[in-house]
């Protein structure tokens, strides 16, 4: 498969027509080998306009959705970024080309080790990989200018928005919680100790297991 041609088709056919105008994002997605973030048997699906399973509980996010989230986050060359549930590492590698520093958080043990190995293999060695409960964020290096939760959520635990600087942005997809109904991409902006929610666009991103709402007992 001609992956370079597939990358070009992805940018020209999926990203650019869907309101992504930041030339830095377009250039980074043209250069970053998306197929390297998937197991060999799934690499042929890397440039489809849909989410691709990458590991248990993690997916390579649909290119257009990720690109629009990153653009909405308004990442600057001086930005300090946290990627939560970084999964295969594509989002962290993309942001590393735009920001001053990126911390990529995954579950400890094998998920974090796999993420570290993938990022090293693609030369994204400026990303700092850490392992811990993803619902806690990573307060050790807070505050951050930008936080990306790389997947859909039903709830955002309270500690995470609190790790933003004043004026900092958190982007993710809020799941609808209803079968067959799309979720919505959102940007949360921290102002005066609280967060303001701005809906962005519809998205059908898979829900991260750790960010599901706890179900009550039904009698």
N, C-alpha and C. Protein backbone atom coordinates (compact mmCIF):
# COMPACT_ATOMS: atom_id res chain seq x y z
N UNK A 1 0.84 -1.20 0.00
CA UNK A 1 0.00 0.00 0.00
C UNK A 1 0.87 1.25 0.00
N UNK A 2 0.50 2.24 -0.78
CA UNK A 2 1.24 3.50 -0.85
C UNK A 2 0.75 4.42 0.27
N UNK A 3 1.41 4.34 1.42
CA UNK A 3 0.95 5.11 2.58
C UNK A 3 1.13 6.61 2.40
N UNK A 4 2.16 7.02 1.66
CA UNK A 4 2.36 8.45 1.41
C UNK A 4 1.18 9.02 0.61
N UNK A 5 0.74 8.28 -0.38
CA UNK A 5 -0.42 8.71 -1.16
C UNK A 5 -1.68 8.71 -0.29
N UNK A 6 -1.81 7.71 0.57
CA UNK A 6 -2.97 7.64 1.46
C UNK A 6 -2.99 8.83 2.42
N UNK A 7 -1.81 9.25 2.90
CA UNK A 7 -1.76 10.42 3.78
C UNK A 7 -2.20 11.68 3.05
N UNK A 8 -1.74 11.84 1.83
CA UNK A 8 -2.15 13.00 1.03
C UNK A 8 -3.65 13.00 0.79
N UNK A 9 -4.20 11.84 0.44
CA UNK A 9 -5.64 11.74 0.21
C UNK A 9 -6.42 12.04 1.49
N UNK A 10 -5.90 11.60 2.63
CA UNK A 10 -6.55 11.88 3.91
C UNK A 10 -6.63 13.38 4.16
N UNK A 11 -5.51 14.06 3.99
CA UNK A 11 -5.48 15.50 4.25
C UNK A 11 -6.35 16.26 3.26
N UNK A 12 -6.25 15.92 1.98
CA UNK A 12 -7.00 16.66 0.96
C UNK A 12 -8.47 16.29 0.92
N UNK A 13 -8.80 15.04 1.29
CA UNK A 13 -10.18 14.60 1.18
C UNK A 13 -10.97 14.62 2.48
N UNK A 14 -10.28 14.52 3.62
CA UNK A 14 -10.97 14.46 4.91
C UNK A 14 -10.70 15.68 5.80
N UNK A 15 -9.47 16.14 5.82
CA UNK A 15 -9.07 17.17 6.79
C UNK A 15 -9.34 18.57 6.26
N UNK A 16 -8.75 18.90 5.14
CA UNK A 16 -8.88 20.26 4.62
C UNK A 16 -10.33 20.65 4.31
N UNK A 17 -11.17 19.77 3.75
CA UNK A 17 -12.55 20.17 3.46
C UNK A 17 -13.41 20.32 4.71
N UNK A 18 -12.94 19.88 5.86
CA UNK A 18 -13.74 19.91 7.08
C UNK A 18 -13.27 20.99 8.05
N UNK A 19 -13.00 22.18 7.50
CA UNK A 19 -12.76 23.40 8.28
C UNK A 19 -11.46 23.38 9.07
N UNK A 20 -10.53 22.50 8.71
CA UNK A 20 -9.21 22.55 9.34
C UNK A 20 -8.32 23.41 8.46
N UNK A 21 -7.96 24.58 8.96
CA UNK A 21 -7.21 25.55 8.17
C UNK A 21 -5.82 25.85 8.72
N UNK A 22 -5.50 25.34 9.90
CA UNK A 22 -4.19 25.59 10.49
C UNK A 22 -3.12 24.88 9.67
N UNK A 23 -2.22 25.61 9.02
CA UNK A 23 -1.22 24.96 8.16
C UNK A 23 -0.27 24.04 8.93
N UNK A 24 -0.07 24.30 10.21
CA UNK A 24 0.81 23.44 11.00
C UNK A 24 0.20 22.06 11.19
N UNK A 25 -1.11 22.01 11.41
CA UNK A 25 -1.79 20.72 11.57
C UNK A 25 -1.78 19.96 10.26
N UNK A 26 -2.09 20.65 9.17
CA UNK A 26 -2.10 20.00 7.86
C UNK A 26 -0.72 19.43 7.52
N UNK A 27 0.32 20.21 7.77
CA UNK A 27 1.68 19.75 7.47
C UNK A 27 2.06 18.56 8.33
N UNK A 28 1.71 18.61 9.63
CA UNK A 28 2.06 17.52 10.53
C UNK A 28 1.36 16.23 10.13
N UNK A 29 0.09 16.32 9.73
CA UNK A 29 -0.64 15.12 9.35
C UNK A 29 -0.18 14.58 8.01
N UNK A 30 0.38 15.42 7.18
CA UNK A 30 0.97 14.94 5.92
C UNK A 30 2.25 14.16 6.16
N UNK A 31 2.95 14.52 7.23
CA UNK A 31 4.27 13.93 7.49
C UNK A 31 4.22 12.72 8.42
N UNK A 32 3.28 12.70 9.34
CA UNK A 32 3.28 11.69 10.40
C UNK A 32 2.74 10.36 9.87
N UNK A 33 3.51 9.27 9.97
CA UNK A 33 3.08 7.97 9.42
C UNK A 33 2.04 7.31 10.30
N UNK A 34 0.78 7.62 10.05
CA UNK A 34 -0.32 7.14 10.89
C UNK A 34 -0.36 5.61 11.00
N UNK A 35 0.05 4.93 9.94
CA UNK A 35 0.01 3.47 9.94
C UNK A 35 0.93 2.86 11.01
N UNK A 36 1.97 3.60 11.40
CA UNK A 36 2.94 3.07 12.38
C UNK A 36 2.35 3.00 13.79
N UNK A 37 1.18 3.57 13.98
CA UNK A 37 0.54 3.57 15.30
C UNK A 37 -0.48 2.44 15.44
N UNK A 38 -0.51 1.54 14.46
CA UNK A 38 -1.43 0.41 14.47
C UNK A 38 -0.67 -0.91 14.35
N UNK A 39 -1.24 -2.01 14.85
CA UNK A 39 -0.63 -3.32 14.61
C UNK A 39 -0.56 -3.60 13.11
N UNK A 40 0.39 -4.41 12.67
CA UNK A 40 0.56 -4.67 11.23
C UNK A 40 -0.72 -5.10 10.52
N UNK A 41 -1.54 -5.90 11.18
CA UNK A 41 -2.75 -6.40 10.52
C UNK A 41 -3.82 -5.33 10.34
N UNK A 42 -3.66 -4.15 10.96
CA UNK A 42 -4.65 -3.09 10.82
C UNK A 42 -4.11 -1.87 10.09
N UNK A 43 -2.87 -1.90 9.66
CA UNK A 43 -2.27 -0.71 9.07
C UNK A 43 -2.96 -0.27 7.79
N UNK A 44 -3.55 -1.19 7.06
CA UNK A 44 -4.25 -0.83 5.82
C UNK A 44 -5.46 0.05 6.08
N UNK A 45 -5.95 0.09 7.34
CA UNK A 45 -7.13 0.90 7.69
C UNK A 45 -6.76 2.26 8.27
N UNK A 46 -5.47 2.57 8.32
CA UNK A 46 -5.00 3.75 9.06
C UNK A 46 -5.57 5.06 8.53
N UNK A 47 -5.88 5.14 7.24
CA UNK A 47 -6.28 6.42 6.65
C UNK A 47 -7.76 6.48 6.30
N UNK A 48 -8.54 5.53 6.80
CA UNK A 48 -9.98 5.60 6.61
C UNK A 48 -10.55 6.73 7.46
N UNK A 49 -11.70 7.26 7.05
CA UNK A 49 -12.34 8.33 7.82
C UNK A 49 -13.23 7.74 8.91
N UNK A 50 -12.61 6.95 9.77
CA UNK A 50 -13.32 6.34 10.89
C UNK A 50 -12.31 5.97 11.96
N UNK A 51 -12.81 5.65 13.16
CA UNK A 51 -11.95 5.22 14.25
C UNK A 51 -11.50 3.78 13.99
N UNK A 52 -10.23 3.50 14.32
CA UNK A 52 -9.68 2.16 14.09
C UNK A 52 -9.18 1.60 15.41
N UNK A 53 -9.68 0.43 15.85
CA UNK A 53 -9.20 -0.16 17.10
C UNK A 53 -7.68 -0.32 17.07
N UNK A 54 -7.03 0.10 18.16
CA UNK A 54 -5.57 0.04 18.23
C UNK A 54 -5.08 -0.87 19.35
N UNK A 55 -5.83 -0.95 20.43
CA UNK A 55 -5.47 -1.76 21.60
C UNK A 55 -6.75 -1.88 22.44
N UNK A 56 -6.78 -2.77 23.43
CA UNK A 56 -7.98 -2.89 24.25
C UNK A 56 -8.41 -1.55 24.86
N UNK A 57 -9.64 -1.13 24.56
CA UNK A 57 -10.14 0.12 25.10
C UNK A 57 -9.63 1.38 24.45
N UNK A 58 -8.86 1.25 23.37
CA UNK A 58 -8.27 2.41 22.70
C UNK A 58 -8.46 2.29 21.19
N UNK A 59 -8.65 3.44 20.55
CA UNK A 59 -8.79 3.47 19.09
C UNK A 59 -7.97 4.63 18.53
N UNK A 60 -7.52 4.46 17.31
CA UNK A 60 -6.92 5.57 16.57
C UNK A 60 -8.08 6.45 16.13
N UNK A 61 -8.15 7.65 16.69
CA UNK A 61 -9.30 8.52 16.47
C UNK A 61 -9.43 8.92 15.00
N UNK A 62 -10.66 9.00 14.54
CA UNK A 62 -10.93 9.44 13.16
C UNK A 62 -10.13 10.70 12.85
N UNK A 63 -9.42 10.73 11.71
CA UNK A 63 -8.52 11.86 11.43
C UNK A 63 -9.17 13.22 11.50
N UNK A 64 -10.35 13.38 10.92
CA UNK A 64 -11.01 14.68 10.92
C UNK A 64 -11.37 15.13 12.33
N UNK A 65 -11.85 14.21 13.15
CA UNK A 65 -12.24 14.55 14.52
C UNK A 65 -11.02 15.01 15.31
N UNK A 66 -9.94 14.27 15.23
CA UNK A 66 -8.73 14.65 15.95
C UNK A 66 -8.20 16.00 15.47
N UNK A 67 -8.16 16.19 14.17
CA UNK A 67 -7.63 17.44 13.61
C UNK A 67 -8.45 18.64 14.08
N UNK A 68 -9.78 18.49 14.09
CA UNK A 68 -10.62 19.62 14.51
C UNK A 68 -10.51 19.87 16.01
N UNK A 69 -10.35 18.82 16.80
CA UNK A 69 -10.13 19.01 18.24
C UNK A 69 -8.82 19.75 18.49
N UNK A 70 -7.77 19.34 17.82
CA UNK A 70 -6.46 19.98 18.01
C UNK A 70 -6.53 21.44 17.57
N UNK A 71 -7.21 21.72 16.46
CA UNK A 71 -7.34 23.11 16.02
C UNK A 71 -8.12 23.93 17.05
N UNK A 72 -9.19 23.35 17.61
CA UNK A 72 -9.99 24.06 18.61
C UNK A 72 -9.21 24.31 19.90
N UNK A 73 -8.20 23.49 20.16
CA UNK A 73 -7.39 23.67 21.37
C UNK A 73 -6.44 24.86 21.28
N UNK A 74 -6.26 25.39 20.09
CA UNK A 74 -5.43 26.58 19.88
C UNK A 74 -4.02 26.38 20.47
N UNK A 75 -3.38 25.31 20.02
CA UNK A 75 -2.04 24.98 20.50
C UNK A 75 -1.02 25.96 19.93
N UNK A 76 -0.19 26.48 20.80
CA UNK A 76 0.86 27.42 20.39
C UNK A 76 2.24 26.78 20.56
N UNK A 77 3.25 27.42 19.99
CA UNK A 77 4.61 26.88 20.10
C UNK A 77 5.11 26.87 21.53
N UNK A 78 4.50 27.67 22.40
CA UNK A 78 4.90 27.73 23.80
C UNK A 78 4.02 26.86 24.70
N UNK A 79 3.04 26.17 24.14
CA UNK A 79 2.06 25.44 24.94
C UNK A 79 2.64 24.21 25.61
N UNK A 80 2.16 23.98 26.85
CA UNK A 80 2.42 22.75 27.58
C UNK A 80 1.15 21.91 27.50
N UNK A 81 1.29 20.68 26.99
CA UNK A 81 0.12 19.87 26.65
C UNK A 81 0.14 18.55 27.42
N UNK A 82 -1.05 18.13 27.85
CA UNK A 82 -1.25 16.80 28.43
C UNK A 82 -2.23 16.03 27.56
N UNK A 83 -1.83 14.83 27.14
CA UNK A 83 -2.72 13.94 26.39
C UNK A 83 -3.11 12.80 27.32
N UNK A 84 -4.39 12.67 27.59
CA UNK A 84 -4.91 11.65 28.51
C UNK A 84 -5.49 10.50 27.70
N UNK A 85 -5.18 9.25 28.15
CA UNK A 85 -5.57 8.05 27.42
C UNK A 85 -4.96 8.11 26.02
N UNK A 86 -3.64 8.31 26.00
CA UNK A 86 -2.93 8.57 24.74
C UNK A 86 -2.89 7.38 23.82
N UNK A 87 -3.23 6.19 24.31
CA UNK A 87 -3.43 5.02 23.45
C UNK A 87 -2.24 4.69 22.58
N UNK A 88 -2.48 4.69 21.26
CA UNK A 88 -1.44 4.34 20.31
C UNK A 88 -0.36 5.42 20.21
N UNK A 89 -0.68 6.67 20.57
CA UNK A 89 0.32 7.73 20.57
C UNK A 89 0.24 8.71 19.43
N UNK A 90 -0.69 8.51 18.50
CA UNK A 90 -0.75 9.39 17.33
C UNK A 90 -1.06 10.83 17.73
N UNK A 91 -2.03 11.03 18.61
CA UNK A 91 -2.36 12.39 19.04
C UNK A 91 -1.20 13.07 19.72
N UNK A 92 -0.49 12.34 20.58
CA UNK A 92 0.66 12.92 21.27
C UNK A 92 1.77 13.28 20.29
N UNK A 93 2.01 12.41 19.31
CA UNK A 93 3.04 12.69 18.31
C UNK A 93 2.66 13.89 17.46
N UNK A 94 1.39 14.01 17.12
CA UNK A 94 0.92 15.15 16.35
C UNK A 94 1.12 16.45 17.13
N UNK A 95 0.71 16.44 18.40
CA UNK A 95 0.83 17.64 19.23
C UNK A 95 2.29 17.99 19.50
N UNK A 96 3.16 17.01 19.52
CA UNK A 96 4.58 17.28 19.75
C UNK A 96 5.18 18.12 18.63
N UNK A 97 4.56 18.10 17.46
CA UNK A 97 5.03 18.92 16.34
C UNK A 97 4.51 20.35 16.41
N UNK A 98 3.60 20.61 17.36
CA UNK A 98 2.98 21.93 17.46
C UNK A 98 3.33 22.66 18.74
N UNK A 99 3.62 21.94 19.82
CA UNK A 99 3.72 22.52 21.16
C UNK A 99 5.16 22.49 21.68
N UNK A 100 5.35 23.20 22.80
CA UNK A 100 6.67 23.21 23.44
C UNK A 100 6.96 21.89 24.14
N UNK A 101 5.94 21.30 24.79
CA UNK A 101 6.14 20.03 25.49
C UNK A 101 4.83 19.27 25.54
N UNK A 102 4.95 17.94 25.55
CA UNK A 102 3.78 17.07 25.60
C UNK A 102 4.03 15.96 26.61
N UNK A 103 3.08 15.79 27.53
CA UNK A 103 3.06 14.65 28.45
C UNK A 103 1.95 13.73 27.98
N UNK A 104 2.26 12.45 27.77
CA UNK A 104 1.27 11.47 27.32
C UNK A 104 1.01 10.50 28.46
N UNK A 105 -0.24 10.45 28.92
CA UNK A 105 -0.63 9.62 30.05
C UNK A 105 -1.38 8.39 29.59
N UNK A 106 -0.93 7.24 30.07
CA UNK A 106 -1.65 5.98 29.84
C UNK A 106 -1.66 5.18 31.14
N UNK A 107 -2.47 4.11 31.14
CA UNK A 107 -2.51 3.22 32.30
C UNK A 107 -1.11 2.65 32.52
N UNK A 108 -0.73 2.44 33.79
CA UNK A 108 0.61 1.94 34.06
C UNK A 108 0.80 0.51 33.56
N UNK A 109 2.07 0.12 33.44
CA UNK A 109 2.37 -1.23 32.99
C UNK A 109 2.44 -1.33 31.49
N UNK A 110 1.82 -2.37 30.93
CA UNK A 110 1.95 -2.66 29.51
C UNK A 110 1.41 -1.56 28.60
N UNK A 111 0.26 -0.91 28.90
CA UNK A 111 -0.19 0.16 28.01
C UNK A 111 0.80 1.32 27.89
N UNK A 112 1.35 1.76 29.01
CA UNK A 112 2.34 2.85 28.97
C UNK A 112 3.61 2.40 28.27
N UNK A 113 4.02 1.17 28.50
CA UNK A 113 5.24 0.65 27.86
C UNK A 113 5.05 0.57 26.34
N UNK A 114 3.88 0.11 25.91
CA UNK A 114 3.60 0.02 24.47
C UNK A 114 3.59 1.41 23.84
N UNK A 115 2.98 2.37 24.53
CA UNK A 115 2.95 3.76 24.04
C UNK A 115 4.36 4.31 23.90
N UNK A 116 5.18 4.08 24.91
CA UNK A 116 6.56 4.59 24.90
C UNK A 116 7.34 4.00 23.71
N UNK A 117 7.16 2.70 23.48
CA UNK A 117 7.88 2.05 22.38
C UNK A 117 7.43 2.58 21.02
N UNK A 118 6.14 2.80 20.85
CA UNK A 118 5.62 3.30 19.58
C UNK A 118 6.15 4.70 19.29
N UNK A 119 6.10 5.57 20.28
CA UNK A 119 6.58 6.94 20.09
C UNK A 119 8.08 6.97 19.78
N UNK A 120 8.82 6.12 20.44
CA UNK A 120 10.26 6.04 20.15
C UNK A 120 10.50 5.56 18.72
N UNK A 121 9.69 4.63 18.26
CA UNK A 121 9.87 4.06 16.92
C UNK A 121 9.61 5.07 15.82
N UNK A 122 8.74 6.06 16.07
CA UNK A 122 8.43 7.06 15.05
C UNK A 122 9.23 8.36 15.27
N UNK A 123 10.14 8.34 16.22
CA UNK A 123 11.00 9.50 16.45
C UNK A 123 10.37 10.61 17.26
N UNK A 124 9.25 10.31 17.94
CA UNK A 124 8.60 11.33 18.78
C UNK A 124 9.15 11.25 20.20
N UNK A 125 10.46 11.34 20.32
CA UNK A 125 11.10 11.12 21.61
C UNK A 125 11.06 12.34 22.51
N UNK A 126 10.47 13.43 22.06
CA UNK A 126 10.30 14.59 22.95
C UNK A 126 9.06 14.44 23.82
N UNK A 127 8.18 13.49 23.49
CA UNK A 127 6.99 13.25 24.30
C UNK A 127 7.39 12.51 25.57
N UNK A 128 6.94 13.00 26.71
CA UNK A 128 7.20 12.34 27.98
C UNK A 128 6.03 11.42 28.30
N UNK A 129 6.27 10.12 28.34
CA UNK A 129 5.24 9.13 28.62
C UNK A 129 5.21 8.82 30.11
N UNK A 130 4.03 8.90 30.71
CA UNK A 130 3.87 8.59 32.13
C UNK A 130 2.74 7.59 32.30
N UNK A 131 2.83 6.79 33.36
CA UNK A 131 1.81 5.79 33.63
C UNK A 131 1.09 6.06 34.93
N UNK A 132 -0.23 5.99 34.89
CA UNK A 132 -1.04 6.22 36.09
C UNK A 132 -2.50 6.14 35.73
N UNK A 133 -3.39 6.25 36.73
CA UNK A 133 -4.83 6.23 36.43
C UNK A 133 -5.21 7.40 35.53
N UNK A 134 -5.77 7.11 34.38
CA UNK A 134 -6.02 8.18 33.41
C UNK A 134 -7.09 9.15 33.89
N UNK A 135 -7.96 8.70 34.79
CA UNK A 135 -9.01 9.59 35.29
C UNK A 135 -8.49 10.62 36.30
N UNK A 136 -7.23 10.48 36.69
CA UNK A 136 -6.63 11.45 37.63
C UNK A 136 -5.89 12.57 36.92
N UNK A 137 -5.71 12.45 35.59
CA UNK A 137 -4.82 13.39 34.92
C UNK A 137 -3.40 13.17 35.40
N UNK A 138 -2.56 14.20 35.26
CA UNK A 138 -1.17 14.09 35.72
C UNK A 138 -0.79 15.38 36.45
N UNK A 139 -1.22 15.49 37.73
CA UNK A 139 -1.00 16.74 38.46
C UNK A 139 0.47 17.06 38.73
N UNK A 140 1.34 16.07 38.64
CA UNK A 140 2.75 16.30 38.96
C UNK A 140 3.39 17.36 38.09
N UNK A 141 2.89 17.52 36.85
CA UNK A 141 3.49 18.50 35.95
C UNK A 141 2.50 19.59 35.53
N UNK A 142 1.38 19.66 36.24
CA UNK A 142 0.39 20.71 35.97
C UNK A 142 0.93 22.06 36.45
N UNK A 143 0.39 23.18 35.94
CA UNK A 143 -0.77 23.26 35.03
C UNK A 143 -0.37 23.19 33.57
N UNK A 144 -1.36 22.87 32.74
CA UNK A 144 -1.16 22.73 31.30
C UNK A 144 -1.96 23.80 30.55
N UNK A 145 -1.44 24.19 29.40
CA UNK A 145 -2.18 25.10 28.53
C UNK A 145 -3.30 24.38 27.78
N UNK A 146 -3.04 23.11 27.45
CA UNK A 146 -3.99 22.31 26.67
C UNK A 146 -4.04 20.90 27.24
N UNK A 147 -5.25 20.35 27.34
CA UNK A 147 -5.44 18.94 27.66
C UNK A 147 -6.31 18.32 26.58
N UNK A 148 -5.84 17.21 26.02
CA UNK A 148 -6.63 16.42 25.08
C UNK A 148 -6.96 15.09 25.74
N UNK A 149 -8.23 14.76 25.87
CA UNK A 149 -8.64 13.40 26.25
C UNK A 149 -8.91 12.69 24.94
N UNK A 150 -8.08 11.71 24.61
CA UNK A 150 -8.08 11.14 23.26
C UNK A 150 -9.09 9.99 23.12
N UNK A 151 -10.34 10.36 23.13
CA UNK A 151 -11.44 9.42 23.03
C UNK A 151 -12.68 10.10 23.56
N UNK A 152 -13.80 9.40 23.51
CA UNK A 152 -15.04 9.98 24.02
C UNK A 152 -15.19 9.67 25.50
N UNK A 153 -15.91 10.56 26.19
CA UNK A 153 -16.14 10.41 27.63
C UNK A 153 -17.62 10.58 27.94
N UNK A 154 -18.06 9.92 28.98
CA UNK A 154 -19.39 10.19 29.52
C UNK A 154 -19.32 11.19 30.67
N UNK A 155 -18.20 11.16 31.38
CA UNK A 155 -17.94 12.11 32.46
C UNK A 155 -16.49 12.56 32.39
N UNK A 156 -16.22 13.78 32.85
CA UNK A 156 -14.86 14.28 32.99
C UNK A 156 -14.61 14.46 34.48
N UNK A 157 -13.77 13.63 35.09
CA UNK A 157 -13.53 13.73 36.53
C UNK A 157 -13.03 15.12 36.92
N UNK A 158 -13.45 15.58 38.05
CA UNK A 158 -13.16 16.93 38.53
C UNK A 158 -11.67 17.29 38.55
N UNK A 159 -10.77 16.37 38.92
CA UNK A 159 -9.36 16.78 38.98
C UNK A 159 -8.78 17.25 37.65
N UNK A 160 -9.34 16.78 36.54
CA UNK A 160 -8.69 17.04 35.25
C UNK A 160 -8.81 18.50 34.80
N UNK A 161 -9.99 19.11 34.73
CA UNK A 161 -10.04 20.53 34.34
C UNK A 161 -9.25 21.44 35.28
N UNK A 162 -9.12 21.02 36.53
CA UNK A 162 -8.37 21.81 37.49
C UNK A 162 -6.88 21.84 37.22
N UNK A 163 -6.41 21.04 36.27
CA UNK A 163 -4.99 21.02 35.92
C UNK A 163 -4.66 21.95 34.76
N UNK A 164 -5.64 22.75 34.35
CA UNK A 164 -5.42 23.75 33.30
C UNK A 164 -4.96 25.07 33.90
N UNK A 165 -4.17 25.81 33.15
CA UNK A 165 -3.85 27.19 33.51
C UNK A 165 -5.09 28.06 33.32
N UNK A 166 -5.06 29.25 33.85
CA UNK A 166 -6.12 30.22 33.56
C UNK A 166 -6.15 30.46 32.04
N UNK A 167 -7.32 30.26 31.45
CA UNK A 167 -7.45 30.39 30.01
C UNK A 167 -7.09 29.13 29.25
N UNK A 168 -6.73 28.06 29.97
CA UNK A 168 -6.37 26.80 29.32
C UNK A 168 -7.57 26.11 28.70
N UNK A 169 -7.31 25.23 27.72
CA UNK A 169 -8.37 24.57 26.96
C UNK A 169 -8.28 23.05 27.10
N UNK A 170 -9.41 22.42 27.34
CA UNK A 170 -9.52 20.97 27.33
C UNK A 170 -10.45 20.60 26.17
N UNK A 171 -10.01 19.64 25.34
CA UNK A 171 -10.84 19.19 24.22
C UNK A 171 -11.03 17.69 24.28
N UNK A 172 -12.23 17.26 23.95
CA UNK A 172 -12.57 15.85 23.92
C UNK A 172 -13.91 15.70 23.22
N UNK A 173 -14.45 14.48 23.24
CA UNK A 173 -15.78 14.21 22.70
C UNK A 173 -16.65 13.72 23.84
N UNK A 174 -17.81 14.35 24.02
CA UNK A 174 -18.77 13.89 25.02
C UNK A 174 -19.72 12.90 24.34
N UNK A 175 -19.78 11.69 24.89
CA UNK A 175 -20.69 10.67 24.34
C UNK A 175 -22.13 11.02 24.67
N UNK A 176 -23.04 10.61 23.82
CA UNK A 176 -24.45 10.91 24.05
C UNK A 176 -25.05 10.00 25.12
N UNK A 177 -24.48 8.80 25.26
CA UNK A 177 -25.05 7.84 26.20
C UNK A 177 -26.24 7.09 25.66
N UNK A 178 -26.61 7.36 24.41
CA UNK A 178 -27.76 6.70 23.79
C UNK A 178 -27.33 5.95 22.54
N UNK A 179 -27.71 4.68 22.39
CA UNK A 179 -27.31 3.89 21.23
C UNK A 179 -27.72 4.57 19.92
N UNK A 180 -26.79 4.63 18.99
CA UNK A 180 -27.09 5.18 17.67
C UNK A 180 -27.11 6.69 17.59
N UNK A 181 -26.83 7.39 18.70
CA UNK A 181 -26.85 8.85 18.70
C UNK A 181 -25.41 9.35 18.84
N UNK A 182 -25.03 10.25 17.94
CA UNK A 182 -23.67 10.78 17.96
C UNK A 182 -23.42 11.59 19.22
N UNK A 183 -22.15 11.62 19.62
CA UNK A 183 -21.73 12.52 20.68
C UNK A 183 -21.39 13.88 20.10
N UNK A 184 -20.79 14.73 20.93
CA UNK A 184 -20.42 16.07 20.49
C UNK A 184 -19.02 16.41 20.97
N UNK A 185 -18.21 16.89 20.05
CA UNK A 185 -16.89 17.39 20.42
C UNK A 185 -17.06 18.69 21.20
N UNK A 186 -16.26 18.85 22.26
CA UNK A 186 -16.41 20.03 23.11
C UNK A 186 -15.04 20.62 23.45
N UNK A 187 -15.06 21.91 23.77
CA UNK A 187 -13.89 22.61 24.32
C UNK A 187 -14.30 23.20 25.66
N UNK A 188 -13.53 22.89 26.68
CA UNK A 188 -13.73 23.48 28.00
C UNK A 188 -12.62 24.49 28.23
N UNK A 189 -12.98 25.70 28.63
CA UNK A 189 -11.99 26.76 28.88
C UNK A 189 -12.06 27.12 30.36
N UNK A 190 -10.91 27.14 31.00
CA UNK A 190 -10.85 27.45 32.43
C UNK A 190 -10.72 28.96 32.63
N UNK A 191 -11.70 29.54 33.32
CA UNK A 191 -11.72 30.97 33.59
C UNK A 191 -12.12 31.19 35.04
N UNK A 192 -11.27 31.87 35.79
CA UNK A 192 -11.56 32.22 37.18
C UNK A 192 -11.95 31.00 38.02
N UNK A 193 -11.24 29.90 37.79
CA UNK A 193 -11.45 28.72 38.60
C UNK A 193 -12.59 27.82 38.18
N UNK A 194 -13.34 28.20 37.15
CA UNK A 194 -14.42 27.35 36.64
C UNK A 194 -14.18 27.09 35.15
N UNK A 195 -14.95 26.17 34.59
CA UNK A 195 -14.79 25.87 33.17
C UNK A 195 -16.05 26.19 32.41
N UNK A 196 -15.86 26.78 31.24
CA UNK A 196 -16.96 27.09 30.33
C UNK A 196 -16.94 26.09 29.19
N UNK A 197 -18.09 25.48 28.91
CA UNK A 197 -18.18 24.43 27.89
C UNK A 197 -18.68 25.02 26.59
N UNK A 198 -17.98 24.70 25.49
CA UNK A 198 -18.37 25.16 24.16
C UNK A 198 -18.53 23.93 23.25
N UNK A 199 -19.74 23.62 22.77
CA UNK A 199 -19.90 22.52 21.83
C UNK A 199 -19.31 22.90 20.47
N UNK A 200 -18.72 21.92 19.80
CA UNK A 200 -18.01 22.19 18.54
C UNK A 200 -18.67 21.54 17.33
N UNK A 201 -18.83 20.21 17.36
CA UNK A 201 -19.39 19.49 16.20
C UNK A 201 -19.76 18.08 16.65
N UNK A 202 -20.59 17.40 15.88
CA UNK A 202 -20.99 16.03 16.19
C UNK A 202 -19.85 15.06 15.89
N UNK A 203 -19.74 14.02 16.73
CA UNK A 203 -18.69 13.02 16.51
C UNK A 203 -19.12 11.70 17.13
N UNK A 204 -18.83 10.62 16.45
CA UNK A 204 -19.21 9.29 16.92
C UNK A 204 -18.04 8.51 17.47
N UNK A 205 -17.20 9.13 18.26
CA UNK A 205 -15.98 8.53 18.79
C UNK A 205 -16.27 7.48 19.86
N UNK A 206 -15.55 6.34 19.86
CA UNK A 206 -15.76 5.32 20.90
C UNK A 206 -15.46 5.87 22.30
N UNK A 207 -16.24 5.40 23.27
CA UNK A 207 -16.07 5.85 24.65
C UNK A 207 -14.90 5.13 25.30
N UNK A 208 -14.06 5.88 26.01
CA UNK A 208 -12.98 5.30 26.78
C UNK A 208 -13.58 4.58 28.00
N UNK A 209 -13.24 3.32 28.24
CA UNK A 209 -13.86 2.58 29.35
C UNK A 209 -13.74 3.28 30.70
N UNK A 210 -12.61 3.91 30.96
CA UNK A 210 -12.38 4.55 32.26
C UNK A 210 -13.26 5.79 32.46
N UNK A 211 -13.81 6.31 31.39
CA UNK A 211 -14.59 7.55 31.47
C UNK A 211 -16.08 7.30 31.27
N UNK A 212 -16.51 6.07 31.49
CA UNK A 212 -17.94 5.78 31.47
C UNK A 212 -18.56 6.20 32.81
N UNK A 213 -19.79 6.63 32.74
CA UNK A 213 -20.53 6.98 33.96
C UNK A 213 -20.85 5.69 34.72
N UNK A 214 -20.68 5.73 36.02
CA UNK A 214 -20.99 4.56 36.83
C UNK A 214 -22.49 4.31 36.81
N UNK A 215 -22.85 3.08 36.51
CA UNK A 215 -24.26 2.72 36.44
C UNK A 215 -24.79 2.35 37.83
N UNK A 216 -25.96 2.83 38.16
CA UNK A 216 -26.59 2.45 39.43
C UNK A 216 -27.32 1.14 39.31
N UNK A 217 -27.69 0.59 40.44
CA UNK A 217 -28.45 -0.66 40.44
C UNK A 217 -29.89 -0.38 39.98
N UNK A 218 -30.42 -1.29 39.21
CA UNK A 218 -31.80 -1.18 38.74
C UNK A 218 -32.59 -2.33 39.36
N UNK A 219 -33.68 -2.01 40.04
CA UNK A 219 -34.49 -3.04 40.70
C UNK A 219 -35.77 -3.27 39.91
